[in-house]
């Protein structure tokens, strides 16, 4: 699997939201390619940092309706 294709899937790979058909080819590529492996490690560290430092908060009341309204007015 070429690097440019692996890079499209790095976030999914790190977030463990990977499709079965991509799991092995991406894993093999990361084992063989230091640049892509380094990128995957950096993404993993960033995701971990965000998860540990940022609290989950609910969206403000009415936000969904305001977004739908803006989209419909476009």
PDB file of N, CA and C in Angstrom:
ATOM      1  N   UNK A   1       0.859  -1.173   0.000  1.00  0.00           N
ATOM      2  CA  UNK A   1       0.000   0.000   0.000  1.00  0.00           C
ATOM      3  C   UNK A   1       0.903   1.234   0.000  1.00  0.00           C
ATOM      4  N   UNK A   2       0.688   2.186  -0.913  1.00  0.00           N
ATOM      5  CA  UNK A   2       1.540   3.376  -0.986  1.00  0.00           C
ATOM      6  C   UNK A   2       1.312   4.335   0.192  1.00  0.00           C
ATOM      7  N   UNK A   3       2.340   5.119   0.478  1.00  0.00           N
ATOM      8  CA  UNK A   3       2.293   6.053   1.609  1.00  0.00           C
ATOM      9  C   UNK A   3       1.096   7.004   1.550  1.00  0.00           C
ATOM     10  N   UNK A   4       0.811   7.560   0.373  1.00  0.00           N
ATOM     11  CA  UNK A   4      -0.288   8.537   0.296  1.00  0.00           C
ATOM     12  C   UNK A   4      -1.627   7.909   0.669  1.00  0.00           C
ATOM     13  N   UNK A   5      -1.795   6.641   0.369  1.00  0.00           N
ATOM     14  CA  UNK A   5      -3.044   5.970   0.740  1.00  0.00           C
ATOM     15  C   UNK A   5      -3.081   5.680   2.236  1.00  0.00           C
ATOM     16  N   UNK A   6      -1.963   5.253   2.782  1.00  0.00           N
ATOM     17  CA  UNK A   6      -1.888   4.982   4.223  1.00  0.00           C
ATOM     18  C   UNK A   6      -2.158   6.260   5.009  1.00  0.00           C
ATOM     19  N   UNK A   7      -1.625   7.375   4.548  1.00  0.00           N
ATOM     20  CA  UNK A   7      -1.814   8.645   5.262  1.00  0.00           C
ATOM     21  C   UNK A   7      -3.272   9.062   5.338  1.00  0.00           C
ATOM     22  N   UNK A   8      -4.061   8.640   4.354  1.00  0.00           N
ATOM     23  CA  UNK A   8      -5.501   8.955   4.407  1.00  0.00           C
ATOM     24  C   UNK A   8      -6.192   8.177   5.519  1.00  0.00           C
ATOM     25  N   UNK A   9      -5.629   7.042   5.904  1.00  0.00           N
ATOM     26  CA  UNK A   9      -6.267   6.182   6.896  1.00  0.00           C
ATOM     27  C   UNK A   9      -5.625   6.256   8.274  1.00  0.00           C
ATOM     28  N   UNK A  10      -4.609   7.096   8.450  1.00  0.00           N
ATOM     29  CA  UNK A  10      -3.884   7.117   9.719  1.00  0.00           C
ATOM     30  C   UNK A  10      -4.797   7.458  10.892  1.00  0.00           C
ATOM     31  N   UNK A  11      -5.667   8.451  10.751  1.00  0.00           N
ATOM     32  CA  UNK A  11      -6.546   8.813  11.867  1.00  0.00           C
ATOM     33  C   UNK A  11      -7.469   7.655  12.228  1.00  0.00           C
ATOM     34  N   UNK A  12      -8.034   6.994  11.235  1.00  0.00           N
ATOM     35  CA  UNK A  12      -8.893   5.845  11.514  1.00  0.00           C
ATOM     36  C   UNK A  12      -8.091   4.726  12.151  1.00  0.00           C
ATOM     37  N   UNK A  13      -6.893   4.508  11.672  1.00  0.00           N
ATOM     38  CA  UNK A  13      -6.044   3.440  12.202  1.00  0.00           C
ATOM     39  C   UNK A  13      -5.733   3.699  13.677  1.00  0.00           C
ATOM     40  N   UNK A  14      -5.300   4.915  13.970  1.00  0.00           N
ATOM     41  CA  UNK A  14      -4.934   5.267  15.337  1.00  0.00           C
ATOM     42  C   UNK A  14      -6.151   5.220  16.243  1.00  0.00           C
ATOM     43  N   UNK A  15      -7.282   5.643  15.734  1.00  0.00           N
ATOM     44  CA  UNK A  15      -8.508   5.689  16.535  1.00  0.00           C
ATOM     45  C   UNK A  15      -9.177   4.315  16.614  1.00  0.00           C
ATOM     46  N   UNK A  16      -8.548   3.304  16.053  1.00  0.00           N
ATOM     47  CA  UNK A  16      -9.022   1.912  16.093  1.00  0.00           C
ATOM     48  C   UNK A  16     -10.340   1.715  15.365  1.00  0.00           C
ATOM     49  N   UNK A  17     -10.688   2.670  14.524  1.00  0.00           N
ATOM     50  CA  UNK A  17     -11.928   2.582  13.745  1.00  0.00           C
ATOM     51  C   UNK A  17     -11.558   2.154  12.332  1.00  0.00           C
ATOM     52  N   UNK A  18     -11.010   0.976  12.212  1.00  0.00           N
ATOM     53  CA  UNK A  18     -10.486   0.540  10.930  1.00  0.00           C
ATOM     54  C   UNK A  18     -11.326  -0.566  10.327  1.00  0.00           C
ATOM     55  N   UNK A  19     -11.386  -0.543   9.042  1.00  0.00           N
ATOM     56  CA  UNK A  19     -12.094  -1.594   8.325  1.00  0.00           C
ATOM     57  C   UNK A  19     -11.213  -2.833   8.274  1.00  0.00           C
ATOM     58  N   UNK A  20     -11.835  -3.989   8.346  1.00  0.00           N
ATOM     59  CA  UNK A  20     -11.077  -5.237   8.321  1.00  0.00           C
ATOM     60  C   UNK A  20     -10.184  -5.353   7.097  1.00  0.00           C
ATOM     61  N   UNK A  21     -10.681  -4.933   5.943  1.00  0.00           N
ATOM     62  CA  UNK A  21      -9.906  -5.101   4.715  1.00  0.00           C
ATOM     63  C   UNK A  21      -8.671  -4.215   4.680  1.00  0.00           C
ATOM     64  N   UNK A  22      -8.612  -3.180   5.501  1.00  0.00           N
ATOM     65  CA  UNK A  22      -7.465  -2.273   5.525  1.00  0.00           C
ATOM     66  C   UNK A  22      -6.494  -2.566   6.663  1.00  0.00           C
ATOM     67  N   UNK A  23      -6.944  -3.303   7.649  1.00  0.00           N
ATOM     68  CA  UNK A  23      -6.137  -3.517   8.859  1.00  0.00           C
ATOM     69  C   UNK A  23      -4.755  -4.086   8.539  1.00  0.00           C
ATOM     70  N   UNK A  24      -4.698  -5.204   7.837  1.00  0.00           N
ATOM     71  CA  UNK A  24      -3.417  -5.864   7.581  1.00  0.00           C
ATOM     72  C   UNK A  24      -2.516  -5.058   6.640  1.00  0.00           C
ATOM     73  N   UNK A  25      -3.035  -4.544   5.516  1.00  0.00           N
ATOM     74  CA  UNK A  25      -2.142  -3.760   4.637  1.00  0.00           C
ATOM     75  C   UNK A  25      -1.565  -2.516   5.324  1.00  0.00           C
ATOM     76  N   UNK A  26      -2.378  -1.823   6.119  1.00  0.00           N
ATOM     77  CA  UNK A  26      -1.876  -0.636   6.813  1.00  0.00           C
ATOM     78  C   UNK A  26      -0.854  -1.047   7.866  1.00  0.00           C
ATOM     79  N   UNK A  27      -1.133  -2.104   8.614  1.00  0.00           N
ATOM     80  CA  UNK A  27      -0.198  -2.573   9.640  1.00  0.00           C
ATOM     81  C   UNK A  27       1.140  -2.965   9.011  1.00  0.00           C
ATOM     82  N   UNK A  28       1.092  -3.672   7.900  1.00  0.00           N
ATOM     83  CA  UNK A  28       2.327  -4.063   7.211  1.00  0.00           C
ATOM     84  C   UNK A  28       3.107  -2.829   6.762  1.00  0.00           C
ATOM     85  N   UNK A  29       2.380  -1.868   6.195  1.00  0.00           N
ATOM     86  CA  UNK A  29       3.046  -0.656   5.717  1.00  0.00           C
ATOM     87  C   UNK A  29       3.699   0.084   6.883  1.00  0.00           C
ATOM     88  N   UNK A  30       2.989   0.228   7.994  1.00  0.00           N
ATOM     89  CA  UNK A  30       3.552   0.931   9.147  1.00  0.00           C
ATOM     90  C   UNK A  30       4.764   0.196   9.712  1.00  0.00           C
ATOM     91  N   UNK A  31       4.765  -1.116   9.628  1.00  0.00           N
ATOM     92  CA  UNK A  31       5.929  -1.896  10.073  1.00  0.00           C
ATOM     93  C   UNK A  31       7.148  -1.633   9.183  1.00  0.00           C
ATOM     94  N   UNK A  32       6.896  -1.357   7.906  1.00  0.00           N
ATOM     95  CA  UNK A  32       7.984  -1.233   6.934  1.00  0.00           C
ATOM     96  C   UNK A  32       8.400   0.202   6.636  1.00  0.00           C
ATOM     97  N   UNK A  33       7.554   1.169   6.948  1.00  0.00           N
ATOM     98  CA  UNK A  33       7.817   2.562   6.553  1.00  0.00           C
ATOM     99  C   UNK A  33       7.991   3.451   7.791  1.00  0.00           C
ATOM    100  N   UNK A  34       9.219   3.851   8.090  1.00  0.00           N
ATOM    101  CA  UNK A  34       9.446   4.671   9.281  1.00  0.00           C
ATOM    102  C   UNK A  34       8.740   6.029   9.234  1.00  0.00           C
ATOM    103  N   UNK A  35       8.628   6.628   8.043  1.00  0.00           N
ATOM    104  CA  UNK A  35       7.965   7.935   7.945  1.00  0.00           C
ATOM    105  C   UNK A  35       6.481   7.840   8.309  1.00  0.00           C
ATOM    106  N   UNK A  36       5.796   6.859   7.759  1.00  0.00           N
ATOM    107  CA  UNK A  36       4.371   6.692   8.059  1.00  0.00           C
ATOM    108  C   UNK A  36       4.164   6.250   9.507  1.00  0.00           C
ATOM    109  N   UNK A  37       5.056   5.407  10.007  1.00  0.00           N
ATOM    110  CA  UNK A  37       4.954   4.974  11.408  1.00  0.00           C
ATOM    111  C   UNK A  37       5.126   6.175  12.331  1.00  0.00           C
ATOM    112  N   UNK A  38       6.086   7.058  12.015  1.00  0.00           N
ATOM    113  CA  UNK A  38       6.296   8.259  12.812  1.00  0.00           C
ATOM    114  C   UNK A  38       5.055   9.155  12.792  1.00  0.00           C
ATOM    115  N   UNK A  39       4.448   9.277  11.626  1.00  0.00           N
ATOM    116  CA  UNK A  39       3.221  10.074  11.514  1.00  0.00           C
ATOM    117  C   UNK A  39       2.106   9.451  12.350  1.00  0.00           C
ATOM    118  N   UNK A  40       1.960   8.132  12.290  1.00  0.00           N
ATOM    119  CA  UNK A  40       0.922   7.443  13.061  1.00  0.00           C
ATOM    120  C   UNK A  40       1.137   7.639  14.560  1.00  0.00           C
ATOM    121  N   UNK A  41       2.383   7.579  15.001  1.00  0.00           N
ATOM    122  CA  UNK A  41       2.693   7.792  16.420  1.00  0.00           C
ATOM    123  C   UNK A  41       2.345   9.225  16.813  1.00  0.00           C
ATOM    124  N   UNK A  42       2.683  10.196  15.966  1.00  0.00           N
ATOM    125  CA  UNK A  42       2.366  11.596  16.266  1.00  0.00           C
ATOM    126  C   UNK A  42       0.858  11.817  16.348  1.00  0.00           C
ATOM    127  N   UNK A  43       0.121  11.220  15.428  1.00  0.00           N
ATOM    128  CA  UNK A  43      -1.341  11.340  15.451  1.00  0.00           C
ATOM    129  C   UNK A  43      -1.886  10.696  16.722  1.00  0.00           C
ATOM    130  N   UNK A  44      -1.364   9.538  17.067  1.00  0.00           N
ATOM    131  CA  UNK A  44      -1.819   8.847  18.281  1.00  0.00           C
ATOM    132  C   UNK A  44      -1.565   9.698  19.525  1.00  0.00           C
ATOM    133  N   UNK A  45      -0.403  10.333  19.601  1.00  0.00           N
ATOM    134  CA  UNK A  45      -0.094  11.200  20.745  1.00  0.00           C
ATOM    135  C   UNK A  45      -1.016  12.407  20.791  1.00  0.00           C
ATOM    136  N   UNK A  46      -1.320  12.982  19.617  1.00  0.00           N
ATOM    137  CA  UNK A  46      -2.221  14.135  19.575  1.00  0.00           C
ATOM    138  C   UNK A  46      -3.633  13.753  20.021  1.00  0.00           C
ATOM    139  N   UNK A  47      -4.117  12.607  19.543  1.00  0.00           N
ATOM    140  CA  UNK A  47      -5.454  12.161  19.929  1.00  0.00           C
ATOM    141  C   UNK A  47      -5.504  11.892  21.426  1.00  0.00           C
ATOM    142  N   UNK A  48      -4.477  11.263  21.971  1.00  0.00           N
ATOM    143  CA  UNK A  48      -4.420  10.996  23.403  1.00  0.00           C
ATOM    144  C   UNK A  48      -4.406  12.296  24.193  1.00  0.00           C
ATOM    145  N   UNK A  49      -3.645  13.261  23.736  1.00  0.00           N
ATOM    146  CA  UNK A  49      -3.589  14.562  24.405  1.00  0.00           C
ATOM    147  C   UNK A  49      -4.959  15.235  24.412  1.00  0.00           C
ATOM    148  N   UNK A  50      -5.622  15.242  23.278  1.00  0.00           N
ATOM    149  CA  UNK A  50      -6.953  15.856  23.197  1.00  0.00           C
ATOM    150  C   UNK A  50      -7.927  15.139  24.121  1.00  0.00           C
ATOM    151  N   UNK A  51      -7.890  13.819  24.114  1.00  0.00           N
ATOM    152  CA  UNK A  51      -8.810  13.050  24.970  1.00  0.00           C
ATOM    153  C   UNK A  51      -8.573  13.292  26.450  1.00  0.00           C
ATOM    154  N   UNK A  52      -7.317  13.465  26.838  1.00  0.00           N
ATOM    155  CA  UNK A  52      -7.031  13.639  28.263  1.00  0.00           C
ATOM    156  C   UNK A  52      -7.191  15.080  28.723  1.00  0.00           C
ATOM    157  N   UNK A  53      -6.993  16.036  27.822  1.00  0.00           N
ATOM    158  CA  UNK A  53      -7.046  17.452  28.213  1.00  0.00           C
ATOM    159  C   UNK A  53      -8.381  18.131  27.956  1.00  0.00           C
ATOM    160  N   UNK A  54      -9.163  17.596  27.069  1.00  0.00           N
ATOM    161  CA  UNK A  54     -10.419  18.253  26.694  1.00  0.00           C
ATOM    162  C   UNK A  54     -11.595  17.462  27.236  1.00  0.00           C
ATOM    163  N   UNK A  55     -12.409  18.132  27.992  1.00  0.00           N
ATOM    164  CA  UNK A  55     -13.609  17.482  28.506  1.00  0.00           C
ATOM    165  C   UNK A  55     -14.671  17.459  27.422  1.00  0.00           C
ATOM    166  N   UNK A  56     -15.450  16.427  27.457  1.00  0.00           N
ATOM    167  CA  UNK A  56     -16.584  16.374  26.527  1.00  0.00           C
ATOM    168  C   UNK A  56     -17.690  17.250  27.069  1.00  0.00           C
ATOM    169  N   UNK A  57     -18.252  18.030  26.209  1.00  0.00           N
ATOM    170  CA  UNK A  57     -19.358  18.893  26.590  1.00  0.00           C
ATOM    171  C   UNK A  57     -20.462  18.725  25.562  1.00  0.00           C
ATOM    172  N   UNK A  58     -21.654  18.880  26.028  1.00  0.00           N
ATOM    173  CA  UNK A  58     -22.806  18.809  25.132  1.00  0.00           C
ATOM    174  C   UNK A  58     -22.880  20.109  24.320  1.00  0.00           C
ATOM    175  N   UNK A  59     -23.384  19.972  23.128  1.00  0.00           N
ATOM    176  CA  UNK A  59     -23.600  21.154  22.302  1.00  0.00           C
ATOM    177  C   UNK A  59     -24.692  22.012  22.947  1.00  0.00           C
ATOM    178  N   UNK A  60     -24.601  23.318  22.789  1.00  0.00           N
ATOM    179  CA  UNK A  60     -25.627  24.194  23.357  1.00  0.00           C
ATOM    180  C   UNK A  60     -27.007  23.869  22.787  1.00  0.00           C
ATOM    181  N   UNK A  61     -28.015  24.078  23.587  1.00  0.00           N
ATOM    182  CA  UNK A  61     -29.389  23.873  23.122  1.00  0.00           C
ATOM    183  C   UNK A  61     -29.648  24.709  21.882  1.00  0.00           C
ATOM    184  N   UNK A  62     -30.266  24.113  20.919  1.00  0.00           N
ATOM    185  CA  UNK A  62     -30.647  24.828  19.715  1.00  0.00           C
ATOM    186  C   UNK A  62     -29.566  24.905  18.643  1.00  0.00           C
ATOM    187  N   UNK A  63     -28.364  24.420  18.916  1.00  0.00           N
ATOM    188  CA  UNK A  63     -27.292  24.503  17.931  1.00  0.00           C
ATOM    189  C   UNK A  63     -27.639  23.723  16.663  1.00  0.00           C
ATOM    190  N   UNK A  64     -28.134  22.509  16.828  1.00  0.00           N
ATOM    191  CA  UNK A  64     -28.505  21.703  15.666  1.00  0.00           C
ATOM    192  C   UNK A  64     -29.529  22.403  14.793  1.00  0.00           C
ATOM    193  N   UNK A  65     -30.513  23.004  15.424  1.00  0.00           N
ATOM    194  CA  UNK A  65     -31.554  23.714  14.664  1.00  0.00           C
ATOM    195  C   UNK A  65     -30.974  24.926  13.951  1.00  0.00           C
ATOM    196  N   UNK A  66     -30.062  25.662  14.601  1.00  0.00           N
ATOM    197  CA  UNK A  66     -29.435  26.823  13.952  1.00  0.00           C
ATOM    198  C   UNK A  66     -28.603  26.396  12.749  1.00  0.00           C
ATOM    199  N   UNK A  67     -27.907  25.285  12.869  1.00  0.00           N
ATOM    200  CA  UNK A  67     -27.096  24.786  11.752  1.00  0.00           C
ATOM    201  C   UNK A  67     -27.987  24.399  10.590  1.00  0.00           C
ATOM    202  N   UNK A  68     -29.070  23.638  10.885  1.00  0.00           N
ATOM    203  CA  UNK A  68     -29.989  23.252   9.823  1.00  0.00           C
ATOM    204  C   UNK A  68     -30.580  24.493   9.151  1.00  0.00           C
ATOM    205  N   UNK A  69     -30.926  25.484   9.927  1.00  0.00           N
ATOM    206  CA  UNK A  69     -31.496  26.703   9.387  1.00  0.00           C
ATOM    207  C   UNK A  69     -30.509  27.421   8.455  1.00  0.00           C
ATOM    208  N   UNK A  70     -29.255  27.482   8.872  1.00  0.00           N
ATOM    209  CA  UNK A  70     -28.226  28.110   8.031  1.00  0.00           C
ATOM    210  C   UNK A  70     -28.013  27.338   6.729  1.00  0.00           C
ATOM    211  N   UNK A  71     -28.018  26.024   6.821  1.00  0.00           N
ATOM    212  CA  UNK A  71     -27.820  25.196   5.616  1.00  0.00           C
ATOM    213  C   UNK A  71     -28.996  25.382   4.663  1.00  0.00           C
ATOM    214  N   UNK A  72     -30.199  25.406   5.197  1.00  0.00           N
ATOM    215  CA  UNK A  72     -31.377  25.585   4.346  1.00  0.00           C
ATOM    216  C   UNK A  72     -31.441  26.948   3.700  1.00  0.00           C
ATOM    217  N   UNK A  73     -30.857  27.963   4.340  1.00  0.00           N
ATOM    218  CA  UNK A  73     -30.918  29.322   3.791  1.00  0.00           C
ATOM    219  C   UNK A  73     -29.866  29.530   2.702  1.00  0.00           C
ATOM    220  N   UNK A  74     -28.904  28.638   2.588  1.00  0.00           N
ATOM    221  CA  UNK A  74     -27.853  28.757   1.566  1.00  0.00           C
ATOM    222  C   UNK A  74     -28.368  28.505   0.192  1.00  0.00           C
TER     223      UNK A  74
END
